[in-house]
Structures are given as C-alpha cells and as structure tokens.
Amino acid sequence: MSTRQVRKMLRQMADGGPVEVTSAMASMKALARLAFLAEQFGYTYADVRQGGGPQGNGFVMLLVPDPAPGARARAERNRAHYPRASDGGALPPLVPDEVELHRTRIAFDLAARHTEKQLAVLGGVGFTVLAAGLGVALGADATALALALAVWAVLMACVPVGLVVNRRYRARQAARLEAAGFTAVTGPGGRLRYVPPGGPRPGHGNPCAGEA
C-alpha cells in the first residue's frame, strides 16, 4: 500500500460516489489496509474482483459510502482529527485486528466468486486449451498427440483436488468471519457473502454484488 494510493483513494471518496481501488500486485493485505482507512472516512468495503493492473492479474476493490449513523460520526471525527489526510497529512493508525478481518473478507469473496460447477468448467476449458496448445507446438504426429492427451489427463485430475482445496480455504475464512460476528447472507445472484454486524447487505451501492 503506497502513500500515493491512499491519497488518491481519499480524494476520490470526496465526491461521495462508489470508488474502485486497484492493486496491480494482487495483494489482499494492501487492499485490506486501504479498506480499513476508507472505513475511517465514511466508506465501506463492498466487493472485490480479479482483473486489476496493466497485466490484468491484480485485484479491483469496490468501496461505497456507508449510510450507517456510526459510520458518519466516525468519518466526522477523523476528518476533524486528520484534516489533511488526502493531501499529505497524517492518517489514522492501522488497527491490525481490523485490517486482518478486512483481509479475511476479501479472501473469502475472491474464493467464493464462482460456484464449484463454474470453477470445474473454467478449469476444464483452460486445461483443454493448454493441452491442445501443447499438442500443436509439438507437432501433429501420434507421439505428440499421445503426450498432449497424457498431459490433459493429469491436468484434469487436478480439477477435483483444486475444488477441495478451495472449499477448505473458504471454510477457514468463513469460520474466522463468523467468530468475529459477521453474518452470512445471499446476494441477488445467489452468491454467498459475509457482512459485519449492522453492515449494508450485498447490492447496496454495489453494481457487482449480484455477479457470480
């Protein structure tokens, strides 16, 4: 998380509309810190997706204004205590436990963005294309075809393993969120999300909330 990125985010938040923050290095920790700081000035984490950065391998986080009275009061206090936060002044100190909760929520949302059926299809298609490309690169003879088929079989065998790993990973993140008082809710598109106590439900100011 760079100071420049923080200042840019806070300046965008001054307009009062949804704000997208990009992490080109695909760092959930950096996004969690940004989400925490945004929360100090009246915004709340809404969603995250892959596809950020010039190579498309980073993350894009969506932040939206938090309408809760407590959020507005917190924002007013912090604007009074840190009046130059957006142009080089001091920032509210990070609270490690709260930053970690943001990181856990981001991690769960990324892991649960697709259903297991969708993940299996994506993995199958991707591995098939990869194996076909290998076959073409090696040539069109029987040996190349056999090798490509063998590679395809090995890769496809990894699909169910990957699904199990993803399922266990989601379960660990969900357990941490539930222990912290977060509530599991289902968004408009049937996607499982976790929201903090009293937090806005999926879909509030979030055009991506219903996507699977």
C-alpha atoms as a PDB file:
ATOM      1  CA  MET A   1       0.000   0.000   0.000  1.00  0.00           C
ATOM      2  CA  SER A   2       1.643   3.217  -1.155  1.00  0.00           C
ATOM      3  CA  THR A   3       1.011   6.636   0.354  1.00  0.00           C
ATOM      4  CA  ARG A   4       0.160   7.891  -3.124  1.00  0.00           C
ATOM      5  CA  GLN A   5      -2.529   5.239  -3.494  1.00  0.00           C
ATOM      6  CA  VAL A   6      -4.061   6.178  -0.140  1.00  0.00           C
ATOM      7  CA  ARG A   7      -4.208   9.874  -1.041  1.00  0.00           C
ATOM      8  CA  LYS A   8      -5.761   9.117  -4.417  1.00  0.00           C
ATOM      9  CA  MET A   9      -8.426   6.937  -2.810  1.00  0.00           C
ATOM     10  CA  LEU A  10      -9.329   9.587  -0.241  1.00  0.00           C
ATOM     11  CA  ARG A  11      -9.590  12.281  -2.918  1.00  0.00           C
ATOM     12  CA  GLN A  12     -11.930  10.065  -4.960  1.00  0.00           C
ATOM     13  CA  MET A  13     -14.048   9.452  -1.869  1.00  0.00           C
ATOM     14  CA  ALA A  14     -14.581  13.201  -1.501  1.00  0.00           C
ATOM     15  CA  ASP A  15     -17.028  13.031  -4.452  1.00  0.00           C
ATOM     16  CA  GLY A  16     -19.354  10.794  -2.440  1.00  0.00           C
ATOM     17  CA  GLY A  17     -19.773   8.083  -5.072  1.00  0.00           C
ATOM     18  CA  PRO A  18     -18.534   4.489  -5.384  1.00  0.00           C
ATOM     19  CA  VAL A  19     -14.756   4.203  -5.608  1.00  0.00           C
ATOM     20  CA  GLU A  20     -12.695   1.456  -7.236  1.00  0.00           C
ATOM     21  CA  VAL A  21      -9.185   0.785  -5.952  1.00  0.00           C
ATOM     22  CA  THR A  22      -6.751  -1.320  -7.963  1.00  0.00           C
ATOM     23  CA  SER A  23      -3.957  -3.487  -6.597  1.00  0.00           C
ATOM     24  CA  ALA A  24      -1.690  -4.279  -9.527  1.00  0.00           C
ATOM     25  CA  MET A  25       0.397  -6.632  -7.359  1.00  0.00           C
ATOM     26  CA  ALA A  26      -2.629  -8.725  -6.309  1.00  0.00           C
ATOM     27  CA  SER A  27      -2.042  -8.011  -2.617  1.00  0.00           C
ATOM     28  CA  MET A  28      -5.007  -8.719  -0.365  1.00  0.00           C
ATOM     29  CA  LYS A  29      -3.120  -7.209   2.579  1.00  0.00           C
ATOM     30  CA  ALA A  30      -2.688  -3.896   0.766  1.00  0.00           C
ATOM     31  CA  LEU A  31      -6.384  -3.813  -0.158  1.00  0.00           C
ATOM     32  CA  ALA A  32      -7.334  -4.648   3.441  1.00  0.00           C
ATOM     33  CA  ARG A  33      -5.340  -1.664   4.706  1.00  0.00           C
ATOM     34  CA  LEU A  34      -6.989   0.591   2.151  1.00  0.00           C
ATOM     35  CA  ALA A  35     -10.434  -0.732   3.109  1.00  0.00           C
ATOM     36  CA  PHE A  36      -9.688  -0.024   6.771  1.00  0.00           C
ATOM     37  CA  LEU A  37      -8.640   3.561   6.023  1.00  0.00           C
ATOM     38  CA  ALA A  38     -11.676   4.101   3.794  1.00  0.00           C
ATOM     39  CA  GLU A  39     -13.853   2.926   6.682  1.00  0.00           C
ATOM     40  CA  GLN A  40     -12.404   5.675   8.861  1.00  0.00           C
ATOM     41  CA  PHE A  41     -13.765   8.294   6.459  1.00  0.00           C
ATOM     42  CA  GLY A  42     -17.320   7.084   5.870  1.00  0.00           C
ATOM     43  CA  TYR A  43     -16.898   4.333   3.292  1.00  0.00           C
ATOM     44  CA  THR A  44     -17.225   0.573   3.491  1.00  0.00           C
ATOM     45  CA  TYR A  45     -15.842  -2.383   1.589  1.00  0.00           C
ATOM     46  CA  ALA A  46     -18.377  -3.708  -0.937  1.00  0.00           C
ATOM     47  CA  ASP A  47     -16.695  -6.245  -3.208  1.00  0.00           C
ATOM     48  CA  VAL A  48     -13.523  -7.340  -4.960  1.00  0.00           C
ATOM     49  CA  ARG A  49     -12.728  -8.947  -8.289  1.00  0.00           C
ATOM     50  CA  GLN A  50      -9.699 -10.027 -10.257  1.00  0.00           C
ATOM     51  CA  GLY A  51      -8.506  -8.135 -13.311  1.00  0.00           C
ATOM     52  CA  GLY A  52      -6.660  -5.111 -11.937  1.00  0.00           C
ATOM     53  CA  GLY A  53      -3.361  -3.698 -13.124  1.00  0.00           C
ATOM     54  CA  PRO A  54      -1.865  -3.402 -16.606  1.00  0.00           C
ATOM     55  CA  GLN A  55      -1.476  -7.184 -16.944  1.00  0.00           C
ATOM     56  CA  GLY A  56      -4.947  -7.941 -15.566  1.00  0.00           C
ATOM     57  CA  ASN A  57      -3.587 -10.150 -12.795  1.00  0.00           C
ATOM     58  CA  GLY A  58      -4.258  -7.806  -9.905  1.00  0.00           C
ATOM     59  CA  PHE A  59      -7.377  -7.051  -7.871  1.00  0.00           C
ATOM     60  CA  VAL A  60     -10.021  -4.328  -8.070  1.00  0.00           C
ATOM     61  CA  MET A  61     -11.806  -3.445  -4.827  1.00  0.00           C
ATOM     62  CA  LEU A  62     -15.098  -1.561  -4.718  1.00  0.00           C
ATOM     63  CA  LEU A  63     -15.806   0.842  -1.863  1.00  0.00           C
ATOM     64  CA  VAL A  64     -19.179   2.529  -1.309  1.00  0.00           C
ATOM     65  CA  PRO A  65     -20.452   5.201   1.099  1.00  0.00           C
ATOM     66  CA  ASP A  66     -21.613   3.745   4.422  1.00  0.00           C
ATOM     67  CA  PRO A  67     -25.037   5.205   5.365  1.00  0.00           C
ATOM     68  CA  ALA A  68     -24.884   3.998   8.990  1.00  0.00           C
ATOM     69  CA  PRO A  69     -25.025   6.813  11.580  1.00  0.00           C
ATOM     70  CA  GLY A  70     -21.997   5.357  13.339  1.00  0.00           C
ATOM     71  CA  ALA A  71     -20.002   5.479  10.108  1.00  0.00           C
ATOM     72  CA  ARG A  72     -20.910   9.110   9.513  1.00  0.00           C
ATOM     73  CA  ALA A  73     -19.948  10.038  13.074  1.00  0.00           C
ATOM     74  CA  ARG A  74     -16.629   8.219  12.761  1.00  0.00           C
ATOM     75  CA  ALA A  75     -15.927   9.990   9.472  1.00  0.00           C
ATOM     76  CA  GLU A  76     -16.641  13.402  11.007  1.00  0.00           C
ATOM     77  CA  ARG A  77     -14.279  12.690  13.917  1.00  0.00           C
ATOM     78  CA  ASN A  78     -11.487  11.552  11.639  1.00  0.00           C
ATOM     79  CA  ARG A  79     -11.909  14.444   9.234  1.00  0.00           C
ATOM     80  CA  ALA A  80     -11.547  16.756  12.230  1.00  0.00           C
ATOM     81  CA  HIS A  81      -8.502  14.896  13.600  1.00  0.00           C
ATOM     82  CA  TYR A  82      -6.840  14.345  10.206  1.00  0.00           C
ATOM     83  CA  PRO A  83      -7.885  17.335   8.064  1.00  0.00           C
ATOM     84  CA  ARG A  84      -5.032  16.887   5.572  1.00  0.00           C
ATOM     85  CA  ALA A  85      -5.275  13.128   5.180  1.00  0.00           C
ATOM     86  CA  SER A  86      -5.934  13.348   1.434  1.00  0.00           C
ATOM     87  CA  ASP A  87      -3.076  15.733   0.622  1.00  0.00           C
ATOM     88  CA  GLY A  88      -0.079  14.559   2.592  1.00  0.00           C
ATOM     89  CA  GLY A  89      -1.116  14.909   6.213  1.00  0.00           C
ATOM     90  CA  ALA A  90      -1.296  12.302   8.960  1.00  0.00           C
ATOM     91  CA  LEU A  91      -3.564   9.252   8.621  1.00  0.00           C
ATOM     92  CA  PRO A  92      -5.484   7.308  11.253  1.00  0.00           C
ATOM     93  CA  PRO A  93      -3.314   4.491  12.665  1.00  0.00           C
ATOM     94  CA  LEU A  94      -3.966   0.997  11.364  1.00  0.00           C
ATOM     95  CA  VAL A  95      -5.593  -1.458  13.760  1.00  0.00           C
ATOM     96  CA  PRO A  96      -4.055  -4.873  12.925  1.00  0.00           C
ATOM     97  CA  ASP A  97      -7.037  -6.988  14.022  1.00  0.00           C
ATOM     98  CA  GLU A  98      -9.475  -4.930  11.950  1.00  0.00           C
ATOM     99  CA  VAL A  99      -7.170  -4.945   8.939  1.00  0.00           C
ATOM    100  CA  GLU A 100      -6.954  -8.730   9.218  1.00  0.00           C
ATOM    101  CA  LEU A 101     -10.752  -9.012   9.229  1.00  0.00           C
ATOM    102  CA  HIS A 102     -10.877  -6.990   6.022  1.00  0.00           C
ATOM    103  CA  ARG A 103      -8.235  -9.272   4.517  1.00  0.00           C
ATOM    104  CA  THR A 104     -10.242 -12.350   5.520  1.00  0.00           C
ATOM    105  CA  ARG A 105     -13.410 -10.935   3.993  1.00  0.00           C
ATOM    106  CA  ILE A 106     -11.601 -10.099   0.749  1.00  0.00           C
ATOM    107  CA  ALA A 107     -10.053 -13.577   0.660  1.00  0.00           C
ATOM    108  CA  PHE A 108     -13.459 -15.223   1.103  1.00  0.00           C
ATOM    109  CA  ASP A 109     -15.078 -13.086  -1.601  1.00  0.00           C
ATOM    110  CA  LEU A 110     -12.346 -13.960  -4.094  1.00  0.00           C
ATOM    111  CA  ALA A 111     -12.559 -17.673  -3.276  1.00  0.00           C
ATOM    112  CA  ALA A 112     -16.373 -17.727  -3.420  1.00  0.00           C
ATOM    113  CA  ARG A 113     -16.853 -15.586  -6.506  1.00  0.00           C
ATOM    114  CA  HIS A 114     -17.564 -18.684  -8.634  1.00  0.00           C
ATOM    115  CA  THR A 115     -19.546 -21.788  -7.755  1.00  0.00           C
ATOM    116  CA  GLU A 116     -17.797 -25.161  -7.756  1.00  0.00           C
ATOM    117  CA  LYS A 117     -19.548 -26.043 -11.016  1.00  0.00           C
ATOM    118  CA  GLN A 118     -18.275 -22.855 -12.622  1.00  0.00           C
ATOM    119  CA  LEU A 119     -14.759 -23.493 -11.311  1.00  0.00           C
ATOM    120  CA  ALA A 120     -14.818 -27.023 -12.719  1.00  0.00           C
ATOM    121  CA  VAL A 121     -15.912 -25.744 -16.133  1.00  0.00           C
ATOM    122  CA  LEU A 122     -13.298 -22.986 -16.124  1.00  0.00           C
ATOM    123  CA  GLY A 123     -10.583 -25.427 -15.110  1.00  0.00           C
ATOM    124  CA  GLY A 124     -11.644 -27.982 -17.706  1.00  0.00           C
ATOM    125  CA  VAL A 125     -11.748 -25.466 -20.529  1.00  0.00           C
ATOM    126  CA  GLY A 126      -8.452 -23.878 -19.515  1.00  0.00           C
ATOM    127  CA  PHE A 127      -6.623 -27.205 -19.228  1.00  0.00           C
ATOM    128  CA  THR A 128      -8.063 -28.424 -22.522  1.00  0.00           C
ATOM    129  CA  VAL A 129      -6.840 -25.313 -24.319  1.00  0.00           C
ATOM    130  CA  LEU A 130      -3.435 -25.676 -22.660  1.00  0.00           C
ATOM    131  CA  ALA A 131      -3.087 -29.327 -23.678  1.00  0.00           C
ATOM    132  CA  ALA A 132      -4.259 -28.576 -27.228  1.00  0.00           C
ATOM    133  CA  GLY A 133      -1.699 -25.810 -27.499  1.00  0.00           C
ATOM    134  CA  LEU A 134       0.999 -28.199 -26.332  1.00  0.00           C
ATOM    135  CA  GLY A 135      -0.041 -30.742 -28.966  1.00  0.00           C
ATOM    136  CA  VAL A 136       0.115 -28.155 -31.724  1.00  0.00           C
ATOM    137  CA  ALA A 137       3.520 -26.944 -30.539  1.00  0.00           C
ATOM    138  CA  LEU A 138       4.936 -30.489 -30.516  1.00  0.00           C
ATOM    139  CA  GLY A 139       3.606 -31.383 -33.936  1.00  0.00           C
ATOM    140  CA  ALA A 140       0.763 -33.371 -35.460  1.00  0.00           C
ATOM    141  CA  ASP A 141       2.199 -36.886 -35.136  1.00  0.00           C
ATOM    142  CA  ALA A 142       0.935 -39.708 -32.946  1.00  0.00           C
ATOM    143  CA  THR A 143       3.600 -39.185 -30.284  1.00  0.00           C
ATOM    144  CA  ALA A 144       2.694 -35.522 -29.853  1.00  0.00           C
ATOM    145  CA  LEU A 145      -0.994 -36.405 -29.638  1.00  0.00           C
ATOM    146  CA  ALA A 146      -0.343 -39.081 -27.008  1.00  0.00           C
ATOM    147  CA  LEU A 147       1.765 -36.699 -24.933  1.00  0.00           C
ATOM    148  CA  ALA A 148      -0.844 -33.949 -25.151  1.00  0.00           C
ATOM    149  CA  LEU A 149      -3.572 -36.392 -24.072  1.00  0.00           C
ATOM    150  CA  ALA A 150      -1.435 -37.576 -21.153  1.00  0.00           C
ATOM    151  CA  VAL A 151      -0.839 -34.000 -20.015  1.00  0.00           C
ATOM    152  CA  TRP A 152      -4.557 -33.243 -20.393  1.00  0.00           C
ATOM    153  CA  ALA A 153      -5.466 -36.276 -18.248  1.00  0.00           C
ATOM    154  CA  VAL A 154      -3.055 -35.219 -15.490  1.00  0.00           C
ATOM    155  CA  LEU A 155      -4.333 -31.664 -15.516  1.00  0.00           C
ATOM    156  CA  MET A 156      -7.976 -32.753 -15.443  1.00  0.00           C
ATOM    157  CA  ALA A 157      -7.214 -34.974 -12.458  1.00  0.00           C
ATOM    158  CA  CYS A 158      -6.131 -31.815 -10.649  1.00  0.00           C
ATOM    159  CA  VAL A 159      -9.565 -30.195 -11.043  1.00  0.00           C
ATOM    160  CA  PRO A 160     -11.328 -32.068  -8.190  1.00  0.00           C
ATOM    161  CA  VAL A 161      -8.253 -31.593  -5.999  1.00  0.00           C
ATOM    162  CA  GLY A 162      -8.406 -27.863  -6.629  1.00  0.00           C
ATOM    163  CA  LEU A 163     -12.104 -27.796  -5.754  1.00  0.00           C
ATOM    164  CA  VAL A 164     -11.435 -29.496  -2.419  1.00  0.00           C
ATOM    165  CA  VAL A 165      -8.609 -27.082  -1.623  1.00  0.00           C
ATOM    166  CA  ASN A 166     -10.819 -24.099  -2.495  1.00  0.00           C
ATOM    167  CA  ARG A 167     -13.694 -25.488  -0.406  1.00  0.00           C
ATOM    168  CA  ARG A 168     -11.469 -25.884   2.666  1.00  0.00           C
ATOM    169  CA  TYR A 169      -9.943 -22.454   2.151  1.00  0.00           C
ATOM    170  CA  ARG A 170     -13.400 -20.847   2.007  1.00  0.00           C
ATOM    171  CA  ALA A 171     -14.438 -22.734   5.128  1.00  0.00           C
ATOM    172  CA  ARG A 172     -11.436 -21.387   7.071  1.00  0.00           C
ATOM    173  CA  GLN A 173     -12.160 -17.801   6.053  1.00  0.00           C
ATOM    174  CA  ALA A 174     -15.873 -18.228   6.819  1.00  0.00           C
ATOM    175  CA  ALA A 175     -15.123 -19.604  10.293  1.00  0.00           C
ATOM    176  CA  ARG A 176     -12.955 -16.579  11.102  1.00  0.00           C
ATOM    177  CA  LEU A 177     -15.636 -14.171   9.921  1.00  0.00           C
ATOM    178  CA  GLU A 178     -18.386 -15.928  11.851  1.00  0.00           C
ATOM    179  CA  ALA A 179     -16.244 -15.922  15.002  1.00  0.00           C
ATOM    180  CA  ALA A 180     -15.927 -12.149  14.593  1.00  0.00           C
ATOM    181  CA  GLY A 181     -19.709 -11.715  14.396  1.00  0.00           C
ATOM    182  CA  PHE A 182     -20.099 -11.480  10.631  1.00  0.00           C
ATOM    183  CA  THR A 183     -23.331 -12.792   9.124  1.00  0.00           C
ATOM    184  CA  ALA A 184     -23.645 -14.983   6.042  1.00  0.00           C
ATOM    185  CA  VAL A 185     -26.116 -13.578   3.500  1.00  0.00           C
ATOM    186  CA  THR A 186     -27.011 -14.480  -0.056  1.00  0.00           C
ATOM    187  CA  GLY A 187     -26.742 -11.750  -2.662  1.00  0.00           C
ATOM    188  CA  PRO A 188     -29.170 -11.074  -5.546  1.00  0.00           C
ATOM    189  CA  GLY A 189     -27.369 -13.569  -7.802  1.00  0.00           C
ATOM    190  CA  GLY A 190     -27.222 -16.331  -5.183  1.00  0.00           C
ATOM    191  CA  ARG A 191     -23.642 -15.551  -4.196  1.00  0.00           C
ATOM    192  CA  LEU A 192     -22.719 -16.129  -0.552  1.00  0.00           C
ATOM    193  CA  ARG A 193     -21.264 -13.083   1.197  1.00  0.00           C
ATOM    194  CA  TYR A 194     -20.355 -12.116   4.755  1.00  0.00           C
ATOM    195  CA  VAL A 195     -21.310  -8.738   6.220  1.00  0.00           C
ATOM    196  CA  PRO A 196     -20.332  -7.190   9.555  1.00  0.00           C
ATOM    197  CA  PRO A 197     -22.947  -6.603  12.255  1.00  0.00           C
ATOM    198  CA  GLY A 198     -25.225  -3.818  11.044  1.00  0.00           C
ATOM    199  CA  GLY A 199     -23.384  -3.593   7.720  1.00  0.00           C
ATOM    200  CA  PRO A 200     -25.109  -2.972   4.378  1.00  0.00           C
ATOM    201  CA  ARG A 201     -26.344  -6.060   2.570  1.00  0.00           C
ATOM    202  CA  PRO A 202     -24.897  -7.098  -0.819  1.00  0.00           C
ATOM    203  CA  GLY A 203     -26.317  -4.915  -3.544  1.00  0.00           C
ATOM    204  CA  HIS A 204     -26.224  -1.657  -1.572  1.00  0.00           C
ATOM    205  CA  GLY A 205     -24.466   0.709  -3.942  1.00  0.00           C
ATOM    206  CA  ASN A 206     -22.632  -2.224  -5.465  1.00  0.00           C
ATOM    207  CA  PRO A 207     -23.229  -2.974  -9.137  1.00  0.00           C
ATOM    208  CA  CYS A 208     -21.131  -6.147  -8.894  1.00  0.00           C
ATOM    209  CA  ALA A 209     -22.856  -7.722  -5.916  1.00  0.00           C
ATOM    210  CA  GLY A 210     -25.144  -9.955  -7.899  1.00  0.00           C
ATOM    211  CA  GLU A 211     -22.443 -11.369 -10.116  1.00  0.00           C
ATOM    212  CA  ALA A 212     -21.307 -14.945  -9.672  1.00  0.00           C
END
